[in-house]
Amino acid sequence: MQDVVSSCPIEDAMRVLSGRWATLLLYYLKDGPKRFSELQRDNPTISHRILTLELRKLEDAGLVERTAYDGFPLKVEYRLSAPGAELMPMIDAIGDWWETSFPRRRECRSAA
């Protein structure tokens, strides 16, 4: 992750959560640990490389924990850390806000 260049906590948080995938990955981990392949199935348009980079970014930020188990093939699981779990009410609130504030967008999207 980039070095912090400001003292603004919003800027720091957005540096971690910005982009297309970070918040979605956190959302998909809210129900419990998942393996890499499960996260890829949840997000079929994400490439293997980008998924790896995003998970590393979230792990470096302390929002996701990675556990590797011995064996062949290597089994790796990802789960929300305590700070990552603390984000879930905010992420759910954003989804709720979107659905109530922009219901027409949702209707148009489901019709497409």
Protein backbone atom coordinates (compact mmCIF):
# COMPACT_ATOMS: atom_id res chain seq x y z
CA MET A 1 0.00 0.00 0.00
CA GLN A 2 1.15 3.55 -0.67
CA ASP A 3 2.72 5.58 2.07
CA VAL A 4 0.36 7.93 3.86
CA VAL A 5 0.87 11.44 2.53
CA SER A 6 -1.86 13.24 4.43
CA SER A 7 -3.33 13.22 7.89
CA CYS A 8 -6.89 12.85 6.57
CA PRO A 9 -8.46 9.56 7.68
CA ILE A 10 -11.05 9.69 4.87
CA GLU A 11 -8.29 9.89 2.26
CA ASP A 12 -6.51 6.95 3.86
CA ALA A 13 -9.71 4.86 4.03
CA MET A 14 -10.59 5.66 0.42
CA ARG A 15 -7.12 4.65 -0.71
CA VAL A 16 -7.86 1.15 0.63
CA LEU A 17 -11.55 0.91 -0.29
CA SER A 18 -11.56 2.66 -3.66
CA GLY A 19 -11.81 0.90 -6.95
CA ARG A 20 -14.18 -1.67 -8.28
CA TRP A 21 -13.36 -4.69 -6.16
CA ALA A 22 -12.27 -3.95 -2.58
CA THR A 23 -15.70 -3.23 -1.12
CA LEU A 24 -17.29 -6.10 -3.05
CA LEU A 25 -14.71 -8.55 -1.74
CA LEU A 26 -15.37 -7.41 1.81
CA TYR A 27 -19.10 -7.80 1.19
CA TYR A 28 -18.68 -11.36 -0.11
CA LEU A 29 -16.62 -12.28 2.96
CA LYS A 30 -19.24 -11.05 5.43
CA ASP A 31 -20.91 -14.47 5.74
CA GLY A 32 -17.70 -16.26 6.66
CA PRO A 33 -14.38 -17.50 5.28
CA LYS A 34 -14.04 -18.24 1.59
CA ARG A 35 -11.40 -19.81 -0.56
CA PHE A 36 -9.81 -17.95 -3.47
CA SER A 37 -11.84 -19.94 -6.01
CA GLU A 38 -15.10 -19.11 -4.23
CA LEU A 39 -14.29 -15.40 -4.37
CA GLN A 40 -13.51 -15.76 -8.05
CA ARG A 41 -16.90 -17.44 -8.61
CA ASP A 42 -18.62 -14.62 -6.71
CA ASN A 43 -16.87 -12.11 -9.01
CA PRO A 44 -16.61 -13.85 -12.41
CA THR A 45 -15.32 -10.79 -14.25
CA ILE A 46 -12.30 -10.25 -11.98
CA SER A 47 -9.02 -11.63 -13.25
CA HIS A 48 -6.87 -13.96 -11.16
CA ARG A 49 -4.14 -11.31 -10.96
CA ILE A 50 -6.43 -8.48 -9.85
CA LEU A 51 -8.15 -10.69 -7.27
CA THR A 52 -4.73 -11.57 -5.84
CA LEU A 53 -3.65 -7.92 -5.73
CA GLU A 54 -6.91 -6.75 -4.13
CA LEU A 55 -6.81 -9.46 -1.47
CA ARG A 56 -3.19 -8.57 -0.67
CA LYS A 57 -4.14 -4.89 -0.41
CA LEU A 58 -6.99 -5.70 1.99
CA GLU A 59 -4.74 -8.01 3.98
CA ASP A 60 -2.00 -5.36 4.22
CA ALA A 61 -4.60 -2.86 5.43
CA GLY A 62 -5.70 -5.29 8.15
CA LEU A 63 -9.25 -5.76 6.84
CA VAL A 64 -8.84 -9.37 5.69
CA GLU A 65 -7.01 -12.30 7.23
CA ARG A 66 -5.43 -15.03 5.12
CA THR A 67 -4.97 -18.55 6.48
CA ALA A 68 -2.95 -21.15 4.57
CA TYR A 69 -3.37 -24.84 5.43
CA ASP A 70 -0.77 -27.51 4.72
CA GLY A 71 -1.51 -30.10 2.10
CA PHE A 72 -1.67 -30.54 -1.60
CA PRO A 73 -3.13 -28.60 -3.18
CA LEU A 74 -2.48 -25.74 -0.81
CA LYS A 75 -5.72 -24.57 0.80
CA VAL A 76 -6.01 -20.83 1.50
CA GLU A 77 -8.97 -19.15 3.14
CA TYR A 78 -9.78 -15.47 3.50
CA ARG A 79 -11.94 -14.01 6.23
CA LEU A 80 -12.81 -10.59 7.56
CA SER A 81 -10.66 -9.37 10.41
CA ALA A 82 -12.30 -7.54 13.32
CA PRO A 83 -11.77 -4.12 11.65
CA GLY A 84 -13.12 -5.54 8.38
CA ALA A 85 -16.24 -6.81 10.15
CA GLU A 86 -16.73 -3.34 11.65
CA LEU A 87 -17.13 -1.99 8.10
CA MET A 88 -20.11 -4.22 7.27
CA PRO A 89 -22.84 -1.97 8.72
CA MET A 90 -21.48 0.91 6.63
CA ILE A 91 -21.29 -1.17 3.45
CA ASP A 92 -24.84 -2.46 4.05
CA ALA A 93 -25.99 1.13 4.67
CA ILE A 94 -24.56 2.22 1.30
CA GLY A 95 -26.52 -0.56 -0.42
CA ASP A 96 -29.71 0.37 1.43
CA TRP A 97 -29.22 4.05 0.62
CA TRP A 98 -28.76 3.25 -3.07
CA GLU A 99 -31.89 1.10 -3.27
CA THR A 100 -34.10 3.68 -1.53
CA SER A 101 -32.64 6.78 -3.19
CA PHE A 102 -32.36 5.44 -6.72
CA PRO A 103 -35.06 2.76 -7.17
CA ARG A 104 -35.44 3.62 -10.86
CA ARG A 105 -31.79 2.74 -11.50
CA ARG A 106 -32.41 -0.67 -9.97
CA GLU A 107 -35.50 -1.27 -12.13
CA CYS A 108 -33.63 -0.28 -15.30
CA ARG A 109 -30.72 -2.53 -14.41
CA SER A 110 -32.92 -5.59 -13.76
CA ALA A 111 -34.74 -5.05 -17.07
CA ALA A 112 -31.48 -5.01 -19.04
